[in-house]
Amino acid sequence: MKVIPESIKEAAKGLINRFGCHINYIGEYEGQQAYMACFPEGYSLGFPFLYLLSSEGLVREITGFESLRILNSINIEDVGESGVK
């Protein structure tokens, strides 16, 4: 299980607190670590929320069509095994 960086959990704090979602590591995208907010069953909120962590430690939240393009372009890790640690 990959440990989720504190900076990613902090960026997703609003979603975690409001909806009870968890964060999964999904792979690499253009040299950045990619994470996705996973909502509990029963929630349908539209576009996915992704978080990119650069090698400098900067976090970027992405949603909308850009998040779909990113998901389509990376080889997603097995998200069933990971979660917020």
N, C-alpha and C. Protein backbone atom coordinates (compact mmCIF):
# COMPACT_ATOMS: atom_id res chain seq x y z
N MET A 1 0.85 -1.17 0.00
CA MET A 1 0.00 0.00 0.00
C MET A 1 0.90 1.24 0.00
N LYS A 2 0.66 2.15 -0.89
CA LYS A 2 1.43 3.39 -0.97
C LYS A 2 0.92 4.38 0.07
N VAL A 3 1.85 4.96 0.80
CA VAL A 3 1.50 5.99 1.79
C VAL A 3 1.15 7.27 1.05
N ILE A 4 0.00 7.84 1.37
CA ILE A 4 -0.45 9.07 0.72
C ILE A 4 0.22 10.25 1.42
N PRO A 5 0.92 11.10 0.65
CA PRO A 5 1.60 12.26 1.27
C PRO A 5 0.62 13.20 1.96
N GLU A 6 1.09 13.82 3.04
CA GLU A 6 0.25 14.76 3.79
C GLU A 6 -0.23 15.91 2.92
N SER A 7 0.60 16.37 1.99
CA SER A 7 0.20 17.49 1.12
C SER A 7 -0.99 17.12 0.25
N ILE A 8 -1.09 15.86 -0.16
CA ILE A 8 -2.24 15.41 -0.96
C ILE A 8 -3.48 15.33 -0.07
N LYS A 9 -3.31 14.76 1.12
CA LYS A 9 -4.46 14.67 2.05
C LYS A 9 -4.96 16.06 2.43
N GLU A 10 -4.05 17.00 2.59
CA GLU A 10 -4.45 18.37 2.92
C GLU A 10 -5.21 19.01 1.76
N ALA A 11 -4.75 18.79 0.54
CA ALA A 11 -5.43 19.35 -0.63
C ALA A 11 -6.83 18.77 -0.80
N ALA A 12 -7.00 17.51 -0.41
CA ALA A 12 -8.30 16.84 -0.57
C ALA A 12 -9.13 16.87 0.72
N LYS A 13 -8.68 17.61 1.72
CA LYS A 13 -9.32 17.63 3.04
C LYS A 13 -10.81 17.94 2.98
N GLY A 14 -11.21 18.89 2.16
CA GLY A 14 -12.62 19.25 2.06
C GLY A 14 -13.47 18.09 1.58
N LEU A 15 -12.99 17.36 0.58
CA LEU A 15 -13.73 16.20 0.05
C LEU A 15 -13.75 15.06 1.07
N ILE A 16 -12.63 14.87 1.73
CA ILE A 16 -12.53 13.80 2.73
C ILE A 16 -13.51 14.07 3.87
N ASN A 17 -13.51 15.30 4.38
CA ASN A 17 -14.39 15.64 5.50
C ASN A 17 -15.86 15.66 5.11
N ARG A 18 -16.16 16.18 3.95
CA ARG A 18 -17.56 16.34 3.55
C ARG A 18 -18.20 15.04 3.08
N PHE A 19 -17.45 14.25 2.30
CA PHE A 19 -18.05 13.06 1.68
C PHE A 19 -17.50 11.74 2.21
N GLY A 20 -16.45 11.80 3.01
CA GLY A 20 -15.87 10.57 3.52
C GLY A 20 -15.08 9.80 2.47
N CYS A 21 -14.58 10.52 1.47
CA CYS A 21 -13.83 9.83 0.42
C CYS A 21 -12.43 9.49 0.90
N HIS A 22 -11.77 8.66 0.16
CA HIS A 22 -10.38 8.33 0.43
C HIS A 22 -9.57 8.62 -0.82
N ILE A 23 -8.26 8.63 -0.69
CA ILE A 23 -7.37 8.97 -1.79
C ILE A 23 -6.58 7.74 -2.19
N ASN A 24 -6.51 7.51 -3.50
CA ASN A 24 -5.73 6.40 -4.03
C ASN A 24 -4.65 6.91 -4.96
N TYR A 25 -3.48 6.29 -4.89
CA TYR A 25 -2.42 6.54 -5.85
C TYR A 25 -2.80 5.81 -7.14
N ILE A 26 -2.72 6.49 -8.28
CA ILE A 26 -3.11 5.85 -9.53
C ILE A 26 -1.99 5.76 -10.55
N GLY A 27 -0.82 6.30 -10.25
CA GLY A 27 0.31 6.16 -11.16
C GLY A 27 1.05 7.45 -11.40
N GLU A 28 1.85 7.47 -12.48
CA GLU A 28 2.65 8.63 -12.85
C GLU A 28 2.04 9.32 -14.06
N TYR A 29 2.09 10.64 -14.05
CA TYR A 29 1.64 11.43 -15.19
C TYR A 29 2.64 12.56 -15.41
N GLU A 30 3.30 12.52 -16.54
CA GLU A 30 4.28 13.54 -16.90
C GLU A 30 5.26 13.84 -15.77
N GLY A 31 5.80 12.79 -15.17
CA GLY A 31 6.80 12.94 -14.11
C GLY A 31 6.25 13.32 -12.75
N GLN A 32 4.94 13.33 -12.61
CA GLN A 32 4.31 13.67 -11.33
C GLN A 32 3.54 12.46 -10.81
N GLN A 33 3.42 12.37 -9.49
CA GLN A 33 2.62 11.31 -8.89
C GLN A 33 1.16 11.72 -8.98
N ALA A 34 0.31 10.81 -9.43
CA ALA A 34 -1.11 11.11 -9.61
C ALA A 34 -1.95 10.35 -8.57
N TYR A 35 -2.89 11.07 -7.97
CA TYR A 35 -3.79 10.52 -6.95
C TYR A 35 -5.22 10.88 -7.33
N MET A 36 -6.17 10.05 -6.91
CA MET A 36 -7.57 10.30 -7.22
C MET A 36 -8.41 10.18 -5.95
N ALA A 37 -9.36 11.10 -5.80
CA ALA A 37 -10.33 11.03 -4.70
C ALA A 37 -11.38 9.99 -5.07
N CYS A 38 -11.58 9.02 -4.19
CA CYS A 38 -12.57 7.96 -4.42
C CYS A 38 -13.70 8.14 -3.41
N PHE A 39 -14.88 8.33 -3.94
CA PHE A 39 -16.05 8.60 -3.10
C PHE A 39 -16.72 7.30 -2.69
N PRO A 40 -17.38 7.31 -1.54
CA PRO A 40 -18.12 6.12 -1.10
C PRO A 40 -19.21 5.77 -2.11
N GLU A 41 -19.59 4.52 -2.10
CA GLU A 41 -20.65 4.05 -2.97
C GLU A 41 -21.91 4.87 -2.75
N GLY A 42 -22.57 5.21 -3.82
CA GLY A 42 -23.80 5.99 -3.72
C GLY A 42 -23.61 7.45 -4.09
N TYR A 43 -22.37 7.92 -4.14
CA TYR A 43 -22.11 9.30 -4.54
C TYR A 43 -21.78 9.34 -6.02
N SER A 44 -22.44 10.24 -6.72
CA SER A 44 -22.16 10.45 -8.14
C SER A 44 -21.99 11.95 -8.33
N LEU A 45 -20.74 12.40 -8.44
CA LEU A 45 -20.47 13.84 -8.44
C LEU A 45 -19.96 14.36 -9.78
N GLY A 46 -19.98 13.57 -10.82
CA GLY A 46 -19.52 14.05 -12.12
C GLY A 46 -18.06 13.74 -12.35
N PHE A 47 -17.29 14.75 -12.73
CA PHE A 47 -15.89 14.55 -13.07
C PHE A 47 -15.07 14.09 -11.87
N PRO A 48 -14.05 13.26 -12.12
CA PRO A 48 -13.18 12.85 -11.03
C PRO A 48 -12.31 14.00 -10.53
N PHE A 49 -11.90 13.91 -9.28
CA PHE A 49 -10.95 14.85 -8.69
C PHE A 49 -9.60 14.17 -8.64
N LEU A 50 -8.63 14.74 -9.33
CA LEU A 50 -7.27 14.22 -9.33
C LEU A 50 -6.34 15.21 -8.66
N TYR A 51 -5.25 14.69 -8.14
CA TYR A 51 -4.23 15.51 -7.51
C TYR A 51 -2.88 15.08 -8.06
N LEU A 52 -2.13 16.04 -8.58
CA LEU A 52 -0.79 15.76 -9.09
C LEU A 52 0.22 16.34 -8.12
N LEU A 53 1.21 15.54 -7.78
CA LEU A 53 2.28 15.97 -6.87
C LEU A 53 3.58 16.02 -7.66
N SER A 54 4.15 17.21 -7.77
CA SER A 54 5.40 17.38 -8.51
C SER A 54 6.59 16.97 -7.66
N SER A 55 7.73 16.83 -8.29
CA SER A 55 8.95 16.46 -7.56
C SER A 55 9.37 17.57 -6.59
N GLU A 56 8.88 18.80 -6.82
CA GLU A 56 9.15 19.91 -5.91
C GLU A 56 8.19 19.96 -4.74
N GLY A 57 7.21 19.05 -4.71
CA GLY A 57 6.25 19.01 -3.61
C GLY A 57 5.01 19.86 -3.83
N LEU A 58 4.84 20.39 -5.03
CA LEU A 58 3.66 21.21 -5.33
C LEU A 58 2.49 20.31 -5.70
N VAL A 59 1.31 20.63 -5.17
CA VAL A 59 0.10 19.85 -5.45
C VAL A 59 -0.82 20.66 -6.34
N ARG A 60 -1.36 20.01 -7.35
CA ARG A 60 -2.31 20.65 -8.26
C ARG A 60 -3.58 19.79 -8.30
N GLU A 61 -4.73 20.40 -7.99
CA GLU A 61 -6.02 19.70 -8.07
C GLU A 61 -6.57 19.86 -9.48
N ILE A 62 -7.03 18.76 -10.05
CA ILE A 62 -7.55 18.78 -11.41
C ILE A 62 -8.90 18.09 -11.45
N THR A 63 -9.84 18.70 -12.14
CA THR A 63 -11.14 18.10 -12.36
C THR A 63 -11.59 18.51 -13.77
N GLY A 64 -12.80 18.19 -14.13
CA GLY A 64 -13.28 18.54 -15.46
C GLY A 64 -12.72 17.62 -16.53
N PHE A 65 -12.79 18.06 -17.78
CA PHE A 65 -12.34 17.23 -18.89
C PHE A 65 -10.85 16.92 -18.81
N GLU A 66 -10.07 17.82 -18.20
CA GLU A 66 -8.64 17.56 -18.06
C GLU A 66 -8.40 16.31 -17.22
N SER A 67 -9.19 16.11 -16.17
CA SER A 67 -9.02 14.91 -15.34
C SER A 67 -9.32 13.64 -16.14
N LEU A 68 -10.29 13.72 -17.03
CA LEU A 68 -10.60 12.55 -17.87
C LEU A 68 -9.46 12.27 -18.84
N ARG A 69 -8.86 13.30 -19.41
CA ARG A 69 -7.72 13.11 -20.32
C ARG A 69 -6.54 12.46 -19.58
N ILE A 70 -6.30 12.90 -18.37
CA ILE A 70 -5.20 12.33 -17.59
C ILE A 70 -5.47 10.86 -17.28
N LEU A 71 -6.68 10.56 -16.82
CA LEU A 71 -7.03 9.17 -16.51
C LEU A 71 -6.88 8.28 -17.73
N ASN A 72 -7.23 8.81 -18.88
CA ASN A 72 -7.15 8.04 -20.11
C ASN A 72 -5.71 7.82 -20.56
N SER A 73 -4.80 8.67 -20.11
CA SER A 73 -3.42 8.61 -20.61
C SER A 73 -2.45 7.85 -19.72
N ILE A 74 -2.86 7.51 -18.50
CA ILE A 74 -1.93 6.79 -17.61
C ILE A 74 -2.39 5.36 -17.40
N ASN A 75 -1.42 4.52 -17.05
CA ASN A 75 -1.71 3.14 -16.71
C ASN A 75 -2.05 3.11 -15.23
N ILE A 76 -3.31 3.04 -14.90
CA ILE A 76 -3.76 3.17 -13.51
C ILE A 76 -3.36 1.95 -12.69
N GLU A 77 -2.79 2.22 -11.52
CA GLU A 77 -2.40 1.17 -10.57
C GLU A 77 -3.67 0.51 -10.03
N ASP A 78 -3.50 -0.60 -9.31
CA ASP A 78 -4.63 -1.29 -8.69
C ASP A 78 -5.13 -0.45 -7.52
N VAL A 79 -6.19 0.34 -7.75
CA VAL A 79 -6.67 1.25 -6.72
C VAL A 79 -7.47 0.53 -5.63
N GLY A 80 -7.80 -0.70 -5.82
CA GLY A 80 -8.54 -1.43 -4.80
C GLY A 80 -7.72 -1.75 -3.56
N GLU A 81 -6.40 -1.70 -3.67
CA GLU A 81 -5.52 -2.07 -2.57
C GLU A 81 -5.06 -0.89 -1.73
N SER A 82 -5.20 0.33 -2.22
CA SER A 82 -4.62 1.45 -1.50
C SER A 82 -5.69 2.33 -0.88
N GLY A 83 -5.25 3.26 -0.07
CA GLY A 83 -6.15 4.19 0.57
C GLY A 83 -5.35 5.19 1.37
N VAL A 84 -6.01 6.04 2.09
CA VAL A 84 -5.32 7.02 2.90
C VAL A 84 -4.69 6.33 4.09
N LYS A 85 -3.44 6.63 4.33
CA LYS A 85 -2.72 6.06 5.47
C LYS A 85 -2.25 7.17 6.37
